[in-house]
N, C-alpha and C. Protein backbone atom coordinates (compact mmCIF):
# COMPACT_ATOMS: atom_id res chain seq x y z
N MET A 1 0.86 -1.20 0.00
CA MET A 1 0.00 0.00 0.00
C MET A 1 0.88 1.23 0.00
N THR A 2 0.55 2.16 -0.86
CA THR A 2 1.34 3.38 -0.95
C THR A 2 0.59 4.51 -0.28
N TYR A 3 1.37 5.57 0.00
CA TYR A 3 0.75 6.75 0.64
C TYR A 3 -0.22 7.45 -0.29
N GLY A 4 0.08 7.31 -1.60
CA GLY A 4 -0.82 7.96 -2.55
C GLY A 4 -2.17 7.31 -2.61
N ASN A 5 -2.24 6.00 -2.19
CA ASN A 5 -3.52 5.31 -2.19
C ASN A 5 -4.17 5.29 -0.82
N ASP A 6 -3.74 6.21 0.03
CA ASP A 6 -4.28 6.26 1.39
C ASP A 6 -5.78 6.51 1.32
N PRO A 7 -6.59 5.59 1.82
CA PRO A 7 -8.04 5.80 1.72
C PRO A 7 -8.54 7.01 2.46
N TYR A 8 -7.77 7.44 3.51
CA TYR A 8 -8.23 8.61 4.28
C TYR A 8 -8.14 9.88 3.46
N SER A 9 -7.15 9.91 2.56
CA SER A 9 -6.99 11.11 1.74
C SER A 9 -8.06 11.21 0.68
N GLN A 10 -8.74 10.11 0.40
CA GLN A 10 -9.78 10.12 -0.61
C GLN A 10 -11.18 10.04 0.00
N GLU A 11 -11.28 10.20 1.27
CA GLU A 11 -12.59 10.12 1.92
C GLU A 11 -13.45 11.30 1.49
N PRO A 12 -14.62 11.07 1.02
CA PRO A 12 -15.45 12.20 0.54
C PRO A 12 -15.82 13.13 1.68
N GLN A 13 -15.83 14.46 1.37
CA GLN A 13 -16.18 15.48 2.36
C GLN A 13 -17.69 15.69 2.36
N PRO A 14 -18.23 16.02 3.50
CA PRO A 14 -19.67 16.27 3.56
C PRO A 14 -20.06 17.46 2.71
N PRO A 15 -21.28 17.50 2.22
CA PRO A 15 -21.71 18.62 1.37
C PRO A 15 -21.57 19.95 2.10
N GLY A 16 -21.01 20.94 1.40
CA GLY A 16 -20.86 22.28 1.98
C GLY A 16 -19.63 22.45 2.81
N TYR A 17 -18.84 21.37 2.99
CA TYR A 17 -17.64 21.49 3.83
C TYR A 17 -16.66 22.42 3.15
N GLY A 18 -16.11 23.37 3.90
CA GLY A 18 -15.14 24.32 3.38
C GLY A 18 -15.76 25.49 2.64
N GLN A 19 -17.08 25.51 2.51
CA GLN A 19 -17.75 26.63 1.84
C GLN A 19 -18.32 27.59 2.89
N GLN A 20 -18.32 28.88 2.57
CA GLN A 20 -18.85 29.88 3.48
C GLN A 20 -20.37 29.85 3.43
N PRO A 21 -21.00 29.96 4.58
CA PRO A 21 -22.46 29.99 4.60
C PRO A 21 -22.99 31.19 3.83
N PRO A 22 -24.20 31.09 3.32
CA PRO A 22 -24.77 32.21 2.57
C PRO A 22 -24.80 33.48 3.42
N GLY A 23 -24.36 34.59 2.84
CA GLY A 23 -24.37 35.88 3.54
C GLY A 23 -23.15 36.13 4.37
N TYR A 24 -22.23 35.10 4.48
CA TYR A 24 -21.05 35.31 5.31
C TYR A 24 -20.15 36.34 4.65
N GLY A 25 -19.68 37.30 5.43
CA GLY A 25 -18.81 38.35 4.91
C GLY A 25 -19.56 39.49 4.26
N GLN A 26 -20.87 39.39 4.16
CA GLN A 26 -21.65 40.48 3.59
C GLN A 26 -22.20 41.35 4.71
N GLN A 27 -22.27 42.66 4.46
CA GLN A 27 -22.77 43.60 5.44
C GLN A 27 -24.29 43.57 5.45
N PRO A 28 -24.88 43.69 6.60
CA PRO A 28 -26.35 43.72 6.67
C PRO A 28 -26.90 44.90 5.90
N PRO A 29 -28.14 44.79 5.47
CA PRO A 29 -28.75 45.90 4.70
C PRO A 29 -28.68 47.21 5.48
N GLY A 30 -28.24 48.28 4.80
CA GLY A 30 -28.17 49.60 5.42
C GLY A 30 -26.90 49.86 6.18
N TYR A 31 -26.05 48.80 6.36
CA TYR A 31 -24.82 49.01 7.14
C TYR A 31 -23.88 49.90 6.35
N GLY A 32 -23.33 50.91 7.00
CA GLY A 32 -22.41 51.82 6.36
C GLY A 32 -23.07 52.91 5.55
N GLN A 33 -24.40 52.88 5.47
CA GLN A 33 -25.12 53.90 4.74
C GLN A 33 -25.49 55.04 5.68
N GLN A 34 -25.60 56.21 5.11
CA GLN A 34 -25.95 57.39 5.90
C GLN A 34 -27.40 57.31 6.34
N PRO A 35 -27.70 57.31 7.66
CA PRO A 35 -29.09 57.28 8.10
C PRO A 35 -29.85 58.49 7.60
N MET A 36 -31.12 58.32 7.47
CA MET A 36 -31.95 59.40 6.97
C MET A 36 -32.27 60.38 8.08
N GLY A 37 -32.57 61.60 7.70
CA GLY A 37 -33.05 62.58 8.68
C GLY A 37 -32.07 63.69 8.96
N TYR A 38 -30.87 63.67 8.39
CA TYR A 38 -29.93 64.76 8.61
C TYR A 38 -29.00 64.81 7.42
N PRO A 39 -28.28 65.93 7.21
CA PRO A 39 -27.49 66.11 6.00
C PRO A 39 -26.36 65.10 5.91
N PRO A 40 -25.94 64.70 4.68
CA PRO A 40 -24.82 63.75 4.51
C PRO A 40 -23.55 64.29 5.13
N GLY A 41 -22.81 63.41 5.78
CA GLY A 41 -21.54 63.80 6.38
C GLY A 41 -21.65 64.35 7.77
N GLN A 42 -22.85 64.51 8.31
CA GLN A 42 -23.05 65.04 9.65
C GLN A 42 -23.73 63.99 10.52
N PRO A 43 -23.26 63.80 11.73
CA PRO A 43 -23.89 62.83 12.63
C PRO A 43 -25.25 63.33 13.07
N PRO A 44 -26.15 62.41 13.45
CA PRO A 44 -27.46 62.86 13.91
C PRO A 44 -27.32 63.69 15.17
N GLY A 45 -27.97 64.82 15.22
CA GLY A 45 -27.87 65.68 16.39
C GLY A 45 -29.10 66.55 16.50
N TYR A 46 -28.91 67.72 17.10
CA TYR A 46 -30.04 68.60 17.39
C TYR A 46 -30.77 69.02 16.12
N ALA A 47 -29.99 69.25 15.04
CA ALA A 47 -30.61 69.73 13.80
C ALA A 47 -31.49 68.67 13.15
N ALA A 48 -31.33 67.40 13.56
CA ALA A 48 -32.12 66.33 12.96
C ALA A 48 -33.52 66.25 13.53
N TYR A 49 -33.79 66.97 14.59
CA TYR A 49 -35.09 66.89 15.25
C TYR A 49 -35.78 68.25 15.20
N PRO A 50 -37.08 68.26 15.32
CA PRO A 50 -37.79 69.54 15.31
C PRO A 50 -37.33 70.42 16.46
N GLN A 51 -37.04 71.68 16.17
CA GLN A 51 -36.57 72.60 17.19
C GLN A 51 -37.76 73.29 17.85
N PRO A 52 -37.60 73.69 19.13
CA PRO A 52 -38.66 74.44 19.79
C PRO A 52 -38.89 75.76 19.07
N PRO A 53 -40.05 76.36 19.22
CA PRO A 53 -40.31 77.65 18.57
C PRO A 53 -39.41 78.74 19.14
N TYR A 54 -39.05 79.68 18.29
CA TYR A 54 -38.20 80.78 18.73
C TYR A 54 -38.97 81.70 19.67
N ALA A 55 -38.24 82.28 20.62
CA ALA A 55 -38.87 83.22 21.56
C ALA A 55 -39.17 84.53 20.84
N SER A 56 -40.27 85.14 21.21
CA SER A 56 -40.66 86.41 20.60
C SER A 56 -39.78 87.54 21.11
N TRP A 57 -39.79 88.64 20.36
CA TRP A 57 -39.02 89.80 20.76
C TRP A 57 -39.54 90.37 22.08
N GLY A 58 -40.85 90.36 22.26
CA GLY A 58 -41.43 90.88 23.51
C GLY A 58 -41.00 90.08 24.72
N ALA A 59 -40.94 88.74 24.58
CA ALA A 59 -40.50 87.91 25.70
C ALA A 59 -39.05 88.18 26.04
N ARG A 60 -38.24 88.38 25.02
CA ARG A 60 -36.82 88.67 25.27
C ARG A 60 -36.65 90.01 25.96
N VAL A 61 -37.41 91.00 25.55
CA VAL A 61 -37.34 92.32 26.21
C VAL A 61 -37.80 92.22 27.66
N GLY A 62 -38.89 91.49 27.89
CA GLY A 62 -39.37 91.34 29.26
C GLY A 62 -38.36 90.66 30.16
N ALA A 63 -37.71 89.61 29.65
CA ALA A 63 -36.68 88.92 30.43
C ALA A 63 -35.50 89.84 30.72
N TYR A 64 -35.12 90.65 29.74
CA TYR A 64 -34.01 91.59 29.91
C TYR A 64 -34.33 92.61 31.00
N LEU A 65 -35.55 93.12 31.01
CA LEU A 65 -35.92 94.12 32.01
C LEU A 65 -35.92 93.52 33.42
N ILE A 66 -36.41 92.29 33.56
CA ILE A 66 -36.39 91.64 34.87
C ILE A 66 -34.97 91.46 35.37
N ASP A 67 -34.07 91.03 34.49
CA ASP A 67 -32.67 90.82 34.88
C ASP A 67 -32.00 92.15 35.25
N ARG A 68 -32.33 93.21 34.52
CA ARG A 68 -31.72 94.51 34.84
C ARG A 68 -32.22 95.01 36.20
N LEU A 69 -33.49 94.74 36.52
CA LEU A 69 -33.99 95.15 37.83
C LEU A 69 -33.27 94.42 38.96
N ILE A 70 -32.90 93.17 38.73
CA ILE A 70 -32.17 92.40 39.74
C ILE A 70 -30.84 93.10 40.06
N ILE A 71 -30.25 93.74 39.05
CA ILE A 71 -28.99 94.46 39.27
C ILE A 71 -29.24 95.86 39.83
N LEU A 72 -30.19 96.56 39.24
CA LEU A 72 -30.36 97.98 39.54
C LEU A 72 -30.96 98.24 40.92
N ILE A 73 -31.85 97.37 41.39
CA ILE A 73 -32.51 97.66 42.66
C ILE A 73 -31.52 97.68 43.83
N PRO A 74 -30.74 96.60 44.07
CA PRO A 74 -29.80 96.68 45.21
C PRO A 74 -28.69 97.70 44.99
N ALA A 75 -28.19 97.80 43.76
CA ALA A 75 -27.14 98.78 43.51
C ALA A 75 -27.68 100.20 43.65
N GLY A 76 -28.90 100.44 43.17
CA GLY A 76 -29.49 101.77 43.29
C GLY A 76 -29.74 102.18 44.73
N ILE A 77 -30.13 101.22 45.56
CA ILE A 77 -30.34 101.54 46.98
C ILE A 77 -29.04 102.00 47.62
N LEU A 78 -27.97 101.27 47.33
CA LEU A 78 -26.68 101.66 47.90
C LEU A 78 -26.21 103.00 47.36
N TYR A 79 -26.42 103.25 46.08
CA TYR A 79 -26.07 104.56 45.52
C TYR A 79 -26.85 105.68 46.21
N GLY A 80 -28.18 105.44 46.35
CA GLY A 80 -29.02 106.48 46.93
C GLY A 80 -28.66 106.79 48.38
N VAL A 81 -28.41 105.73 49.15
CA VAL A 81 -28.04 105.94 50.55
C VAL A 81 -26.67 106.62 50.63
N GLY A 82 -25.76 106.21 49.77
CA GLY A 82 -24.43 106.80 49.79
C GLY A 82 -24.45 108.28 49.49
N PHE A 83 -25.19 108.67 48.47
CA PHE A 83 -25.28 110.09 48.15
C PHE A 83 -26.17 110.84 49.13
N GLY A 84 -27.17 110.15 49.71
CA GLY A 84 -28.09 110.82 50.61
C GLY A 84 -27.48 111.20 51.94
N ILE A 85 -26.74 110.26 52.54
CA ILE A 85 -26.19 110.54 53.87
C ILE A 85 -24.73 110.97 53.81
N GLY A 86 -24.10 110.80 52.69
CA GLY A 86 -22.68 111.10 52.65
C GLY A 86 -22.29 112.30 51.83
N PHE A 87 -23.29 112.93 51.20
CA PHE A 87 -22.95 114.08 50.36
C PHE A 87 -23.13 115.36 51.14
N LYS A 88 -22.11 116.16 51.16
CA LYS A 88 -22.15 117.44 51.85
C LYS A 88 -22.24 118.56 50.82
N ASP A 89 -23.05 119.56 51.16
CA ASP A 89 -23.18 120.70 50.25
C ASP A 89 -21.84 121.39 50.09
N ALA A 90 -21.56 121.75 48.87
CA ALA A 90 -20.30 122.44 48.60
C ALA A 90 -20.35 123.85 49.17
N ASP A 91 -19.26 124.24 49.82
CA ASP A 91 -19.15 125.58 50.40
C ASP A 91 -17.99 126.27 49.69
N CYS A 92 -18.32 127.26 48.87
CA CYS A 92 -17.32 127.92 48.05
C CYS A 92 -17.13 129.36 48.53
N THR A 93 -15.91 129.79 48.54
CA THR A 93 -15.57 131.18 48.88
C THR A 93 -14.73 131.76 47.77
N THR A 94 -14.90 133.04 47.55
CA THR A 94 -14.18 133.73 46.47
C THR A 94 -13.37 134.86 47.06
N ASP A 95 -12.10 134.89 46.73
CA ASP A 95 -11.20 135.98 47.13
C ASP A 95 -10.86 136.78 45.88
N SER A 96 -10.92 138.04 46.02
CA SER A 96 -10.63 138.90 44.87
C SER A 96 -9.60 139.95 45.24
N THR A 97 -8.82 140.27 44.26
CA THR A 97 -7.86 141.36 44.40
C THR A 97 -8.10 142.31 43.24
N ASP A 98 -7.27 143.27 43.10
CA ASP A 98 -7.44 144.23 42.01
C ASP A 98 -7.28 143.58 40.63
N ASN A 99 -6.46 142.55 40.56
CA ASN A 99 -6.14 141.97 39.26
C ASN A 99 -6.62 140.53 39.07
N SER A 100 -7.12 139.86 40.10
CA SER A 100 -7.48 138.45 39.95
C SER A 100 -8.57 138.05 40.94
N TYR A 101 -9.17 136.89 40.61
CA TYR A 101 -10.17 136.28 41.47
C TYR A 101 -9.74 134.83 41.73
N SER A 102 -10.00 134.34 42.93
CA SER A 102 -9.72 132.94 43.25
C SER A 102 -10.89 132.38 44.04
N THR A 103 -11.27 131.15 43.69
CA THR A 103 -12.40 130.48 44.35
C THR A 103 -11.95 129.15 44.91
N SER A 104 -12.33 128.87 46.15
CA SER A 104 -12.02 127.59 46.79
C SER A 104 -13.31 127.00 47.33
N CYS A 105 -13.47 125.67 47.17
CA CYS A 105 -14.68 124.99 47.60
C CYS A 105 -14.33 123.83 48.51
N SER A 106 -15.21 123.53 49.42
CA SER A 106 -15.08 122.37 50.31
C SER A 106 -16.40 121.64 50.34
N GLY A 107 -16.36 120.38 50.71
CA GLY A 107 -17.58 119.58 50.76
C GLY A 107 -17.51 118.47 49.73
N GLY A 108 -18.69 117.96 49.29
CA GLY A 108 -18.74 116.85 48.35
C GLY A 108 -19.07 115.55 49.06
N LEU A 109 -18.67 114.45 48.44
CA LEU A 109 -19.00 113.13 48.97
C LEU A 109 -18.06 112.78 50.12
N SER A 110 -18.66 112.39 51.25
CA SER A 110 -17.87 112.03 52.43
C SER A 110 -17.28 110.64 52.26
N GLY A 111 -16.46 110.24 53.20
CA GLY A 111 -15.85 108.92 53.15
C GLY A 111 -16.88 107.81 53.23
N ALA A 112 -17.87 107.95 54.12
CA ALA A 112 -18.90 106.93 54.26
C ALA A 112 -19.74 106.84 52.99
N GLY A 113 -20.06 107.99 52.43
CA GLY A 113 -20.83 107.99 51.19
C GLY A 113 -20.08 107.34 50.05
N LEU A 114 -18.78 107.60 49.96
CA LEU A 114 -17.97 107.01 48.91
C LEU A 114 -17.91 105.49 49.05
N VAL A 115 -17.82 105.01 50.29
CA VAL A 115 -17.79 103.55 50.52
C VAL A 115 -19.09 102.91 50.04
N LEU A 116 -20.22 103.53 50.33
CA LEU A 116 -21.51 102.98 49.91
C LEU A 116 -21.66 102.98 48.39
N VAL A 117 -21.19 104.05 47.76
CA VAL A 117 -21.26 104.12 46.29
C VAL A 117 -20.39 103.04 45.66
N LEU A 118 -19.18 102.86 46.18
CA LEU A 118 -18.30 101.81 45.65
C LEU A 118 -18.87 100.42 45.92
N LEU A 119 -19.52 100.25 47.06
CA LEU A 119 -20.16 98.97 47.36
C LEU A 119 -21.30 98.69 46.38
N GLY A 120 -22.04 99.73 46.04
CA GLY A 120 -23.10 99.57 45.04
C GLY A 120 -22.55 99.15 43.69
N ALA A 121 -21.42 99.73 43.29
CA ALA A 121 -20.78 99.35 42.02
C ALA A 121 -20.32 97.90 42.07
N LEU A 122 -19.78 97.47 43.21
CA LEU A 122 -19.33 96.09 43.36
C LEU A 122 -20.50 95.11 43.28
N VAL A 123 -21.61 95.46 43.92
CA VAL A 123 -22.80 94.61 43.87
C VAL A 123 -23.31 94.48 42.44
N ALA A 124 -23.32 95.58 41.70
CA ALA A 124 -23.76 95.54 40.31
C ALA A 124 -22.86 94.64 39.48
N LEU A 125 -21.54 94.71 39.72
CA LEU A 125 -20.60 93.87 38.96
C LEU A 125 -20.81 92.40 39.28
N VAL A 126 -20.93 92.07 40.56
CA VAL A 126 -21.09 90.66 40.96
C VAL A 126 -22.40 90.10 40.41
N LEU A 127 -23.48 90.85 40.52
CA LEU A 127 -24.76 90.37 40.01
C LEU A 127 -24.74 90.22 38.49
N GLY A 128 -24.05 91.14 37.81
CA GLY A 128 -23.94 91.02 36.36
C GLY A 128 -23.19 89.77 35.94
N LEU A 129 -22.09 89.46 36.62
CA LEU A 129 -21.35 88.23 36.32
C LEU A 129 -22.16 86.99 36.66
N TRP A 130 -22.95 87.06 37.74
CA TRP A 130 -23.79 85.92 38.10
C TRP A 130 -24.84 85.65 37.04
N LEU A 131 -25.42 86.70 36.49
CA LEU A 131 -26.40 86.52 35.42
C LEU A 131 -25.77 85.90 34.18
N ILE A 132 -24.55 86.32 33.84
CA ILE A 132 -23.86 85.73 32.70
C ILE A 132 -23.55 84.26 32.97
N TYR A 133 -23.16 83.95 34.20
CA TYR A 133 -22.90 82.55 34.56
C TYR A 133 -24.15 81.71 34.41
N ARG A 134 -25.28 82.21 34.89
CA ARG A 134 -26.54 81.48 34.75
C ARG A 134 -26.91 81.33 33.27
N GLU A 135 -26.71 82.36 32.52
CA GLU A 135 -27.02 82.33 31.09
C GLU A 135 -26.18 81.28 30.37
N GLY A 136 -24.89 81.19 30.74
CA GLY A 136 -24.00 80.27 30.05
C GLY A 136 -24.14 78.83 30.48
N THR A 137 -24.45 78.58 31.75
CA THR A 137 -24.47 77.21 32.26
C THR A 137 -25.86 76.57 32.23
N THR A 138 -26.91 77.37 32.28
CA THR A 138 -28.27 76.82 32.26
C THR A 138 -29.10 77.33 31.09
N GLY A 139 -28.65 78.41 30.45
CA GLY A 139 -29.42 79.01 29.37
C GLY A 139 -30.53 79.92 29.85
N GLN A 140 -30.74 79.99 31.16
CA GLN A 140 -31.84 80.77 31.71
C GLN A 140 -31.37 81.66 32.85
N THR A 141 -31.55 82.95 32.70
CA THR A 141 -31.44 83.88 33.81
C THR A 141 -32.79 83.90 34.53
N PRO A 142 -32.90 84.54 35.68
CA PRO A 142 -34.22 84.61 36.33
C PRO A 142 -35.30 85.20 35.42
N GLY A 143 -34.93 86.19 34.63
CA GLY A 143 -35.91 86.78 33.72
C GLY A 143 -36.36 85.81 32.65
N ARG A 144 -35.42 85.09 32.05
CA ARG A 144 -35.79 84.11 31.02
C ARG A 144 -36.60 82.96 31.62
N LYS A 145 -36.22 82.55 32.81
CA LYS A 145 -36.97 81.45 33.45
C LYS A 145 -38.40 81.88 33.74
N ALA A 146 -38.59 83.12 34.17
CA ALA A 146 -39.93 83.60 34.48
C ALA A 146 -40.81 83.64 33.24
N LEU A 147 -40.21 83.92 32.07
CA LEU A 147 -40.99 84.04 30.84
C LEU A 147 -40.90 82.79 29.96
N GLY A 148 -40.25 81.73 30.46
CA GLY A 148 -40.25 80.45 29.76
C GLY A 148 -39.46 80.44 28.48
N ILE A 149 -38.29 81.06 28.46
CA ILE A 149 -37.43 81.04 27.28
C ILE A 149 -36.02 80.65 27.70
N LYS A 150 -35.21 80.25 26.73
CA LYS A 150 -33.89 79.72 27.04
C LYS A 150 -32.91 80.05 25.91
N LEU A 151 -31.66 80.35 26.28
CA LEU A 151 -30.60 80.63 25.32
C LEU A 151 -29.79 79.35 25.07
N ILE A 152 -29.65 78.95 23.80
CA ILE A 152 -28.92 77.73 23.45
C ILE A 152 -28.11 77.96 22.18
N ARG A 153 -27.20 77.02 21.90
CA ARG A 153 -26.47 77.04 20.63
C ARG A 153 -27.39 76.55 19.52
N GLU A 154 -27.28 77.17 18.36
CA GLU A 154 -28.16 76.81 17.26
C GLU A 154 -27.84 75.44 16.69
N ASN A 155 -26.54 75.06 16.66
CA ASN A 155 -26.16 73.84 15.93
C ASN A 155 -26.46 72.56 16.70
N ASP A 156 -26.46 72.59 18.04
CA ASP A 156 -26.68 71.35 18.78
C ASP A 156 -27.65 71.49 19.95
N GLY A 157 -28.16 72.68 20.21
CA GLY A 157 -29.15 72.84 21.27
C GLY A 157 -28.57 72.85 22.67
N GLN A 158 -27.24 72.90 22.82
CA GLN A 158 -26.62 72.91 24.14
C GLN A 158 -26.42 74.35 24.62
N VAL A 159 -26.15 74.50 25.92
CA VAL A 159 -25.90 75.83 26.48
C VAL A 159 -24.55 76.35 26.00
N LEU A 160 -24.35 77.66 26.08
CA LEU A 160 -23.15 78.28 25.54
C LEU A 160 -21.92 78.02 26.39
N GLY A 161 -22.06 77.96 27.70
CA GLY A 161 -20.92 77.98 28.60
C GLY A 161 -20.62 79.41 29.02
N PHE A 162 -19.97 79.56 30.17
CA PHE A 162 -19.74 80.91 30.71
C PHE A 162 -18.90 81.76 29.77
N GLY A 163 -17.84 81.17 29.19
CA GLY A 163 -16.93 81.94 28.34
C GLY A 163 -17.64 82.54 27.14
N MET A 164 -18.40 81.72 26.40
CA MET A 164 -19.09 82.21 25.22
C MET A 164 -20.25 83.14 25.59
N ALA A 165 -20.87 82.91 26.74
CA ALA A 165 -21.92 83.82 27.19
C ALA A 165 -21.33 85.20 27.49
N PHE A 166 -20.12 85.22 28.05
CA PHE A 166 -19.45 86.49 28.32
C PHE A 166 -19.10 87.19 27.01
N VAL A 167 -18.58 86.43 26.04
CA VAL A 167 -18.25 87.01 24.72
C VAL A 167 -19.52 87.54 24.05
N ARG A 168 -20.62 86.84 24.23
CA ARG A 168 -21.89 87.29 23.64
C ARG A 168 -22.29 88.65 24.19
N GLN A 169 -22.06 88.87 25.48
CA GLN A 169 -22.38 90.17 26.06
C GLN A 169 -21.52 91.27 25.44
N ILE A 170 -20.25 90.96 25.18
CA ILE A 170 -19.39 91.94 24.52
C ILE A 170 -19.88 92.23 23.11
N CYS A 171 -20.34 91.18 22.42
CA CYS A 171 -20.82 91.34 21.05
C CYS A 171 -22.08 92.19 20.97
N HIS A 172 -22.75 92.39 22.10
CA HIS A 172 -23.93 93.27 22.09
C HIS A 172 -23.55 94.71 21.73
N ILE A 173 -22.24 95.02 21.77
CA ILE A 173 -21.80 96.34 21.31
C ILE A 173 -22.22 96.54 19.86
N VAL A 174 -22.12 95.48 19.07
CA VAL A 174 -22.52 95.56 17.66
C VAL A 174 -24.02 95.85 17.55
N ASP A 175 -24.82 95.30 18.47
CA ASP A 175 -26.26 95.55 18.45
C ASP A 175 -26.58 97.02 18.71
N SER A 176 -25.72 97.69 19.45
CA SER A 176 -25.97 99.08 19.80
C SER A 176 -25.54 100.05 18.70
N LEU A 177 -24.78 99.58 17.72
CA LEU A 177 -24.37 100.44 16.61
C LEU A 177 -25.57 100.73 15.70
N ALA A 178 -25.45 101.76 14.93
CA ALA A 178 -26.51 102.14 13.96
C ALA A 178 -27.86 102.27 14.65
N CYS A 179 -27.90 103.10 15.68
CA CYS A 179 -29.16 103.42 16.36
C CYS A 179 -29.82 102.18 16.98
N TYR A 180 -29.00 101.31 17.56
CA TYR A 180 -29.51 100.13 18.28
C TYR A 180 -30.33 99.21 17.37
N LEU A 181 -29.95 99.14 16.11
CA LEU A 181 -30.68 98.33 15.15
C LEU A 181 -30.61 96.84 15.50
N GLY A 182 -29.46 96.38 16.04
CA GLY A 182 -29.31 94.97 16.36
C GLY A 182 -30.28 94.49 17.42
N TRP A 183 -30.64 95.36 18.36
CA TRP A 183 -31.59 94.98 19.40
C TRP A 183 -32.99 94.81 18.83
N LEU A 184 -33.30 95.52 17.76
CA LEU A 184 -34.62 95.42 17.14
C LEU A 184 -34.69 94.34 16.08
N TRP A 185 -33.55 93.81 15.66
CA TRP A 185 -33.51 92.85 14.57
C TRP A 185 -34.40 91.62 14.79
N PRO A 186 -34.52 91.09 16.01
CA PRO A 186 -35.38 89.90 16.20
C PRO A 186 -36.84 90.12 15.85
N ILE A 187 -37.29 91.37 15.71
CA ILE A 187 -38.70 91.61 15.40
C ILE A 187 -39.06 91.01 14.05
N TRP A 188 -38.15 91.13 13.07
CA TRP A 188 -38.45 90.64 11.72
C TRP A 188 -37.54 89.50 11.26
N ASP A 189 -36.54 89.15 12.06
CA ASP A 189 -35.62 88.09 11.66
C ASP A 189 -36.30 86.72 11.77
N ALA A 190 -36.02 85.83 10.81
CA ALA A 190 -36.67 84.51 10.79
C ALA A 190 -36.33 83.69 12.02
N LYS A 191 -35.11 83.84 12.56
CA LYS A 191 -34.69 83.07 13.73
C LYS A 191 -34.73 83.90 15.01
N ARG A 192 -35.28 85.10 14.93
CA ARG A 192 -35.40 85.98 16.10
C ARG A 192 -34.03 86.24 16.75
N GLN A 193 -33.01 86.46 15.93
CA GLN A 193 -31.65 86.66 16.44
C GLN A 193 -31.26 88.13 16.41
N THR A 194 -30.50 88.55 17.41
CA THR A 194 -29.81 89.82 17.35
C THR A 194 -28.51 89.61 16.57
N PHE A 195 -27.78 90.72 16.33
CA PHE A 195 -26.50 90.58 15.65
C PHE A 195 -25.53 89.75 16.50
N ALA A 196 -25.58 89.93 17.83
CA ALA A 196 -24.72 89.16 18.72
C ALA A 196 -25.03 87.67 18.62
N ASP A 197 -26.31 87.32 18.50
CA ASP A 197 -26.69 85.92 18.34
C ASP A 197 -26.12 85.34 17.05
N LYS A 198 -26.16 86.10 15.98
CA LYS A 198 -25.65 85.62 14.70
C LYS A 198 -24.14 85.44 14.76
N ILE A 199 -23.44 86.31 15.46
CA ILE A 199 -21.98 86.19 15.59
C ILE A 199 -21.62 84.94 16.39
N ILE A 200 -22.31 84.71 17.50
CA ILE A 200 -22.01 83.59 18.39
C ILE A 200 -22.62 82.28 17.89
N GLY A 201 -23.73 82.37 17.13
CA GLY A 201 -24.45 81.17 16.72
C GLY A 201 -25.41 80.68 17.76
N SER A 202 -26.09 81.62 18.41
CA SER A 202 -27.04 81.27 19.48
C SER A 202 -28.46 81.65 19.07
N ILE A 203 -29.41 80.99 19.69
CA ILE A 203 -30.82 81.29 19.50
C ILE A 203 -31.51 81.27 20.87
N VAL A 204 -32.65 81.94 20.94
CA VAL A 204 -33.46 81.93 22.15
C VAL A 204 -34.78 81.26 21.79
N VAL A 205 -35.13 80.20 22.52
CA VAL A 205 -36.31 79.41 22.20
C VAL A 205 -37.24 79.34 23.40
N LYS A 206 -38.47 78.94 23.13
CA LYS A 206 -39.44 78.71 24.20
C LYS A 206 -39.22 77.34 24.82
N VAL A 207 -39.44 77.23 26.12
CA VAL A 207 -39.30 75.95 26.81
C VAL A 207 -40.55 75.66 27.62
């Protein structure tokens, strides 16, 4: 008997032995294809879903006024008390000679009054930064929360963060140019955005 006539080497293989099962190595239907509902090349995100309605210009103005009152009331009280109890009437005297006149005045804001005025300025600064922090981390200041609106990023619906919220406040300088046209722009703009919103990419929506 030779090795070439080895019966084991000629044993028939079962049907299908060594063949790949049907569908093996093939990707399931739809695998690797772009899902429907958002633009090609972009992952599904906020833009793929219906967005909340934009906040009206009146709601935004109302929220702004409420937030300004939160700053102005305590700061104004301190200013008023400081000037009320600490301001002394100016007392001026004039000396004259044949060729000249000289005037000297005394009075003005006392030390206690000056402290209260500076304290009022500090309170206004701290409250202003707190409002920006709330705006950036939650999207809602007390005024926006009271009127049911929220500031978010347009592209993904997330909050801006403190840094971008602070930059947005600086960009409001652009809104004040050309007779405050940027502040009025949300009245007719399709997305109800100010110029600062367009620069930052933010929108204000109803919640």
